[in-house]
Amino acid sequence: MKQLQISEALFVKLVKFFYSEEIGYDDEELFDLEREIKKELQKKLDRISMRSYYTKYKTAETEQECEEARKKYLDEKGVPESFQW
């Protein structure tokens, strides 16, 4: 299994979240922290997906697989179809 890196800021937020009782956060602070963590984890997941599409595009064995991966990558990046080659 591959290893992933997360930012130091995300790591600190995760620690604060899981040790919130010891730290003494109230419900509002905990809610804000949870929302921030989810947002950052979603961004990380999106970056992983984009990297996967790009890698598939560069290493595809067939032209069809390459084209499908390229299309997914560009669609996820938000490149309009009129700008795609």
Foldseek 3Di string as FASTA:
>chain_A
DDDDDDDPVLVVLVVCLVCVVVVPDDPVVNVVSVVVNVVRVVVVVLVVVLVVLVVQLVPPPDPVSNVVSVVVNCVSVVPDPVPDD
